[in-house]
Amino acid sequence: MNESERDLLARLREEHMRMPFPPNMRGREIEIEGEDMVSLDASIAIGVSSSLSEPFDVKRRDALLRCLAAVEKVLPSIDDEGGGIERYERLREMAALAVESGNDGPR
């Protein structure tokens, strides 16, 4: 991952961390198209954070690819109340960038 990709991914992750979780998805288990939205959010955030600080191995890449497929599946069904679409579009962008860029190791 070159520095500009790393910087973009770090900025997107920082924006994601500041964005509140959609109120209509808080405090209960929300599934859309069979996907647990809280777990999907957390899995991508953890995978992206790991890709910025640790070697990006096949296991992490495969996990993010599965999450990326899940986000693609659920996005058309997300109710935009509370910023849900924006949040999951950002997660999709972060996961795609991490997967496409790979990782040369910690910096």
N, C-alpha and C. Protein backbone atom coordinates (compact mmCIF):
# COMPACT_ATOMS: atom_id res chain seq x y z
N MET A 1 0.86 -1.16 0.00
CA MET A 1 0.00 0.00 0.00
C MET A 1 0.90 1.22 0.00
N ASN A 2 0.72 2.09 -0.99
CA ASN A 2 1.55 3.29 -1.01
C ASN A 2 1.02 4.32 -0.02
N GLU A 3 1.79 5.36 0.20
CA GLU A 3 1.43 6.35 1.23
C GLU A 3 0.11 7.06 0.94
N SER A 4 -0.18 7.39 -0.31
CA SER A 4 -1.44 8.09 -0.58
C SER A 4 -2.64 7.17 -0.31
N GLU A 5 -2.52 5.88 -0.64
CA GLU A 5 -3.59 4.93 -0.32
C GLU A 5 -3.74 4.77 1.18
N ARG A 6 -2.61 4.67 1.87
CA ARG A 6 -2.61 4.54 3.33
C ARG A 6 -3.24 5.77 3.97
N ASP A 7 -2.87 6.94 3.48
CA ASP A 7 -3.43 8.19 4.02
C ASP A 7 -4.94 8.26 3.80
N LEU A 8 -5.39 7.89 2.60
CA LEU A 8 -6.82 7.90 2.29
C LEU A 8 -7.56 6.92 3.20
N LEU A 9 -7.02 5.72 3.33
CA LEU A 9 -7.67 4.71 4.17
C LEU A 9 -7.71 5.17 5.63
N ALA A 10 -6.63 5.74 6.11
CA ALA A 10 -6.59 6.24 7.49
C ALA A 10 -7.61 7.37 7.69
N ARG A 11 -7.74 8.25 6.69
CA ARG A 11 -8.71 9.35 6.79
C ARG A 11 -10.14 8.81 6.80
N LEU A 12 -10.42 7.86 5.90
CA LEU A 12 -11.76 7.27 5.87
C LEU A 12 -12.08 6.56 7.18
N ARG A 13 -11.10 5.86 7.73
CA ARG A 13 -11.32 5.17 9.01
C ARG A 13 -11.59 6.18 10.11
N GLU A 14 -10.84 7.27 10.13
CA GLU A 14 -11.04 8.31 11.14
C GLU A 14 -12.44 8.93 11.02
N GLU A 15 -12.87 9.21 9.80
CA GLU A 15 -14.22 9.74 9.57
C GLU A 15 -15.27 8.74 10.06
N HIS A 16 -15.03 7.48 9.78
CA HIS A 16 -15.97 6.44 10.19
C HIS A 16 -16.07 6.38 11.71
N MET A 17 -14.95 6.47 12.39
CA MET A 17 -14.94 6.39 13.85
C MET A 17 -15.67 7.58 14.48
N ARG A 18 -15.65 8.73 13.82
CA ARG A 18 -16.34 9.92 14.35
C ARG A 18 -17.84 9.90 14.06
N MET A 19 -18.23 9.17 13.04
CA MET A 19 -19.64 9.14 12.62
C MET A 19 -20.45 8.30 13.61
N PRO A 20 -21.53 8.86 14.15
CA PRO A 20 -22.34 8.07 15.09
C PRO A 20 -23.03 6.91 14.37
N PHE A 21 -23.19 5.84 15.11
CA PHE A 21 -23.91 4.70 14.55
C PHE A 21 -25.36 5.12 14.35
N PRO A 22 -25.97 4.74 13.23
CA PRO A 22 -27.35 5.18 12.96
C PRO A 22 -28.30 4.85 14.13
N PRO A 23 -29.04 5.83 14.61
CA PRO A 23 -29.92 5.63 15.76
C PRO A 23 -30.94 4.50 15.57
N ASN A 24 -31.40 4.33 14.35
CA ASN A 24 -32.41 3.30 14.12
C ASN A 24 -31.82 1.89 14.13
N MET A 25 -30.50 1.79 14.24
CA MET A 25 -29.84 0.48 14.30
C MET A 25 -29.21 0.22 15.66
N ARG A 26 -29.35 1.15 16.60
CA ARG A 26 -28.74 1.01 17.92
C ARG A 26 -29.62 0.22 18.87
N GLY A 27 -28.97 -0.47 19.81
CA GLY A 27 -29.66 -1.08 20.92
C GLY A 27 -30.44 -2.33 20.61
N ARG A 28 -30.27 -2.86 19.44
CA ARG A 28 -30.97 -4.09 19.09
C ARG A 28 -30.23 -4.75 17.94
N GLU A 29 -30.51 -6.00 17.76
CA GLU A 29 -29.90 -6.71 16.64
C GLU A 29 -30.65 -6.36 15.38
N ILE A 30 -29.94 -5.87 14.41
CA ILE A 30 -30.53 -5.52 13.13
C ILE A 30 -29.93 -6.42 12.07
N GLU A 31 -30.78 -7.11 11.37
CA GLU A 31 -30.33 -7.91 10.24
C GLU A 31 -30.99 -7.39 8.99
N ILE A 32 -30.20 -7.28 7.95
CA ILE A 32 -30.69 -6.92 6.63
C ILE A 32 -30.15 -7.97 5.68
N GLU A 33 -31.03 -8.57 4.91
CA GLU A 33 -30.64 -9.61 3.96
C GLU A 33 -29.82 -10.70 4.65
N GLY A 34 -30.17 -10.99 5.91
CA GLY A 34 -29.49 -12.05 6.65
C GLY A 34 -28.15 -11.67 7.25
N GLU A 35 -27.77 -10.40 7.15
CA GLU A 35 -26.48 -9.93 7.68
C GLU A 35 -26.72 -9.10 8.94
N ASP A 36 -25.98 -9.42 9.99
CA ASP A 36 -26.02 -8.64 11.23
C ASP A 36 -25.24 -7.35 10.98
N MET A 37 -25.93 -6.24 10.98
CA MET A 37 -25.33 -4.97 10.59
C MET A 37 -24.27 -4.47 11.57
N VAL A 38 -24.46 -4.72 12.85
CA VAL A 38 -23.46 -4.30 13.85
C VAL A 38 -22.18 -5.11 13.67
N SER A 39 -22.33 -6.42 13.50
CA SER A 39 -21.15 -7.27 13.30
C SER A 39 -20.43 -6.93 12.00
N LEU A 40 -21.19 -6.65 10.96
CA LEU A 40 -20.58 -6.29 9.68
C LEU A 40 -19.77 -5.01 9.81
N ASP A 41 -20.34 -4.02 10.46
CA ASP A 41 -19.66 -2.75 10.71
C ASP A 41 -18.36 -3.00 11.48
N ALA A 42 -18.45 -3.73 12.56
CA ALA A 42 -17.27 -3.99 13.40
C ALA A 42 -16.21 -4.79 12.66
N SER A 43 -16.63 -5.79 11.91
CA SER A 43 -15.68 -6.64 11.18
C SER A 43 -14.88 -5.84 10.16
N ILE A 44 -15.56 -4.96 9.44
CA ILE A 44 -14.84 -4.14 8.46
C ILE A 44 -13.92 -3.16 9.16
N ALA A 45 -14.41 -2.50 10.19
CA ALA A 45 -13.58 -1.53 10.91
C ALA A 45 -12.33 -2.19 11.48
N ILE A 46 -12.46 -3.38 12.05
CA ILE A 46 -11.32 -4.09 12.60
C ILE A 46 -10.36 -4.51 11.48
N GLY A 47 -10.91 -5.04 10.39
CA GLY A 47 -10.06 -5.46 9.27
C GLY A 47 -9.28 -4.31 8.67
N VAL A 48 -9.92 -3.17 8.52
CA VAL A 48 -9.26 -1.99 7.96
C VAL A 48 -8.18 -1.50 8.93
N SER A 49 -8.49 -1.42 10.21
CA SER A 49 -7.50 -0.99 11.19
C SER A 49 -6.28 -1.92 11.18
N SER A 50 -6.55 -3.21 11.10
CA SER A 50 -5.45 -4.18 11.04
C SER A 50 -4.60 -3.99 9.79
N SER A 51 -5.26 -3.70 8.66
CA SER A 51 -4.51 -3.53 7.42
C SER A 51 -3.58 -2.32 7.47
N LEU A 52 -3.89 -1.37 8.34
CA LEU A 52 -3.05 -0.18 8.47
C LEU A 52 -1.87 -0.39 9.41
N SER A 53 -1.93 -1.43 10.25
CA SER A 53 -0.90 -1.58 11.27
C SER A 53 -0.15 -2.90 11.26
N GLU A 54 -0.67 -3.88 10.52
CA GLU A 54 -0.05 -5.20 10.53
C GLU A 54 0.05 -5.72 9.11
N PRO A 55 0.89 -6.73 8.89
CA PRO A 55 0.92 -7.34 7.55
C PRO A 55 -0.46 -7.84 7.16
N PHE A 56 -0.82 -7.61 5.94
CA PHE A 56 -2.14 -7.95 5.41
C PHE A 56 -2.07 -9.35 4.83
N ASP A 57 -2.43 -10.34 5.62
CA ASP A 57 -2.31 -11.72 5.18
C ASP A 57 -3.56 -12.19 4.46
N VAL A 58 -3.50 -13.40 3.92
CA VAL A 58 -4.60 -13.96 3.13
C VAL A 58 -5.87 -14.09 3.98
N LYS A 59 -5.73 -14.46 5.23
CA LYS A 59 -6.90 -14.62 6.11
C LYS A 59 -7.64 -13.29 6.27
N ARG A 60 -6.91 -12.22 6.53
CA ARG A 60 -7.54 -10.90 6.68
C ARG A 60 -8.15 -10.43 5.36
N ARG A 61 -7.44 -10.66 4.26
CA ARG A 61 -7.95 -10.27 2.94
C ARG A 61 -9.25 -11.02 2.64
N ASP A 62 -9.27 -12.31 2.88
CA ASP A 62 -10.48 -13.10 2.63
C ASP A 62 -11.65 -12.65 3.51
N ALA A 63 -11.35 -12.32 4.76
CA ALA A 63 -12.41 -11.84 5.67
C ALA A 63 -12.99 -10.53 5.15
N LEU A 64 -12.13 -9.61 4.70
CA LEU A 64 -12.63 -8.35 4.17
C LEU A 64 -13.38 -8.55 2.85
N LEU A 65 -12.95 -9.50 2.05
CA LEU A 65 -13.68 -9.80 0.81
C LEU A 65 -15.09 -10.31 1.12
N ARG A 66 -15.23 -11.15 2.14
CA ARG A 66 -16.56 -11.62 2.54
C ARG A 66 -17.41 -10.46 3.03
N CYS A 67 -16.81 -9.57 3.82
CA CYS A 67 -17.54 -8.39 4.31
C CYS A 67 -17.93 -7.47 3.16
N LEU A 68 -17.04 -7.32 2.21
CA LEU A 68 -17.32 -6.47 1.06
C LEU A 68 -18.52 -7.02 0.27
N ALA A 69 -18.57 -8.32 0.08
CA ALA A 69 -19.71 -8.95 -0.60
C ALA A 69 -20.99 -8.73 0.20
N ALA A 70 -20.90 -8.83 1.52
CA ALA A 70 -22.08 -8.63 2.37
C ALA A 70 -22.58 -7.19 2.28
N VAL A 71 -21.67 -6.22 2.29
CA VAL A 71 -22.08 -4.82 2.18
C VAL A 71 -22.75 -4.58 0.83
N GLU A 72 -22.19 -5.12 -0.22
CA GLU A 72 -22.80 -4.96 -1.55
C GLU A 72 -24.23 -5.52 -1.55
N LYS A 73 -24.42 -6.63 -0.85
CA LYS A 73 -25.73 -7.27 -0.81
C LYS A 73 -26.75 -6.43 -0.03
N VAL A 74 -26.33 -5.83 1.09
CA VAL A 74 -27.28 -5.13 1.96
C VAL A 74 -27.52 -3.66 1.58
N LEU A 75 -26.59 -3.03 0.92
CA LEU A 75 -26.73 -1.59 0.64
C LEU A 75 -28.07 -1.21 0.00
N PRO A 76 -28.56 -1.94 -0.99
CA PRO A 76 -29.84 -1.53 -1.58
C PRO A 76 -31.02 -1.61 -0.62
N SER A 77 -30.88 -2.34 0.47
CA SER A 77 -32.00 -2.53 1.42
C SER A 77 -31.89 -1.68 2.68
N ILE A 78 -30.85 -0.87 2.79
CA ILE A 78 -30.67 -0.06 4.00
C ILE A 78 -31.60 1.14 3.96
N ASP A 79 -32.30 1.36 5.06
CA ASP A 79 -33.13 2.54 5.26
C ASP A 79 -32.16 3.68 5.59
N ASP A 80 -32.27 4.78 4.91
CA ASP A 80 -31.30 5.85 5.12
C ASP A 80 -31.56 6.69 6.36
N GLU A 81 -32.54 6.33 7.14
CA GLU A 81 -32.79 7.06 8.38
C GLU A 81 -31.53 7.02 9.24
N GLY A 82 -31.06 8.17 9.67
CA GLY A 82 -29.91 8.23 10.56
C GLY A 82 -28.56 8.05 9.89
N GLY A 83 -28.50 8.11 8.58
CA GLY A 83 -27.21 8.04 7.90
C GLY A 83 -26.69 6.63 7.64
N GLY A 84 -27.56 5.66 7.64
CA GLY A 84 -27.14 4.28 7.44
C GLY A 84 -26.46 4.04 6.10
N ILE A 85 -27.02 4.61 5.04
CA ILE A 85 -26.43 4.39 3.72
C ILE A 85 -25.03 4.99 3.66
N GLU A 86 -24.88 6.20 4.13
CA GLU A 86 -23.56 6.85 4.11
C GLU A 86 -22.54 6.02 4.89
N ARG A 87 -22.95 5.52 6.05
CA ARG A 87 -22.04 4.74 6.90
C ARG A 87 -21.57 3.48 6.18
N TYR A 88 -22.50 2.75 5.58
CA TYR A 88 -22.14 1.49 4.95
C TYR A 88 -21.48 1.69 3.59
N GLU A 89 -21.74 2.81 2.92
CA GLU A 89 -20.99 3.13 1.71
C GLU A 89 -19.53 3.42 2.05
N ARG A 90 -19.31 4.12 3.16
CA ARG A 90 -17.93 4.39 3.60
C ARG A 90 -17.24 3.08 3.98
N LEU A 91 -17.95 2.21 4.67
CA LEU A 91 -17.36 0.91 5.01
C LEU A 91 -17.00 0.13 3.75
N ARG A 92 -17.87 0.18 2.75
CA ARG A 92 -17.58 -0.50 1.48
C ARG A 92 -16.32 0.08 0.85
N GLU A 93 -16.21 1.40 0.83
CA GLU A 93 -15.04 2.05 0.24
C GLU A 93 -13.77 1.67 1.00
N MET A 94 -13.85 1.66 2.31
CA MET A 94 -12.69 1.30 3.13
C MET A 94 -12.26 -0.14 2.87
N ALA A 95 -13.21 -1.06 2.87
CA ALA A 95 -12.89 -2.48 2.65
C ALA A 95 -12.30 -2.68 1.27
N ALA A 96 -12.89 -2.05 0.26
CA ALA A 96 -12.39 -2.20 -1.11
C ALA A 96 -10.97 -1.67 -1.24
N LEU A 97 -10.71 -0.52 -0.65
CA LEU A 97 -9.37 0.07 -0.72
C LEU A 97 -8.35 -0.83 -0.02
N ALA A 98 -8.69 -1.33 1.15
CA ALA A 98 -7.77 -2.21 1.87
C ALA A 98 -7.49 -3.48 1.08
N VAL A 99 -8.52 -4.07 0.48
CA VAL A 99 -8.35 -5.30 -0.29
C VAL A 99 -7.54 -5.04 -1.56
N GLU A 100 -7.85 -3.97 -2.26
CA GLU A 100 -7.17 -3.66 -3.51
C GLU A 100 -5.71 -3.28 -3.29
N SER A 101 -5.45 -2.59 -2.21
CA SER A 101 -4.11 -2.09 -1.96
C SER A 101 -3.18 -3.10 -1.32
N GLY A 102 -3.78 -4.02 -0.56
CA GLY A 102 -2.93 -4.94 0.19
C GLY A 102 -2.19 -4.17 1.27
N ASN A 103 -1.12 -4.74 1.74
CA ASN A 103 -0.35 -4.09 2.79
C ASN A 103 1.06 -4.62 2.75
N ASP A 104 2.01 -3.71 2.77
CA ASP A 104 3.42 -4.09 2.78
C ASP A 104 3.94 -4.36 4.17
N GLY A 105 3.11 -4.18 5.16
CA GLY A 105 3.54 -4.38 6.54
C GLY A 105 3.35 -3.12 7.34
N PRO A 106 3.63 -3.16 8.62
CA PRO A 106 3.44 -2.00 9.48
C PRO A 106 4.35 -0.85 9.11
N ARG A 107 3.88 0.34 9.40
CA ARG A 107 4.67 1.54 9.14
C ARG A 107 4.75 2.38 10.37
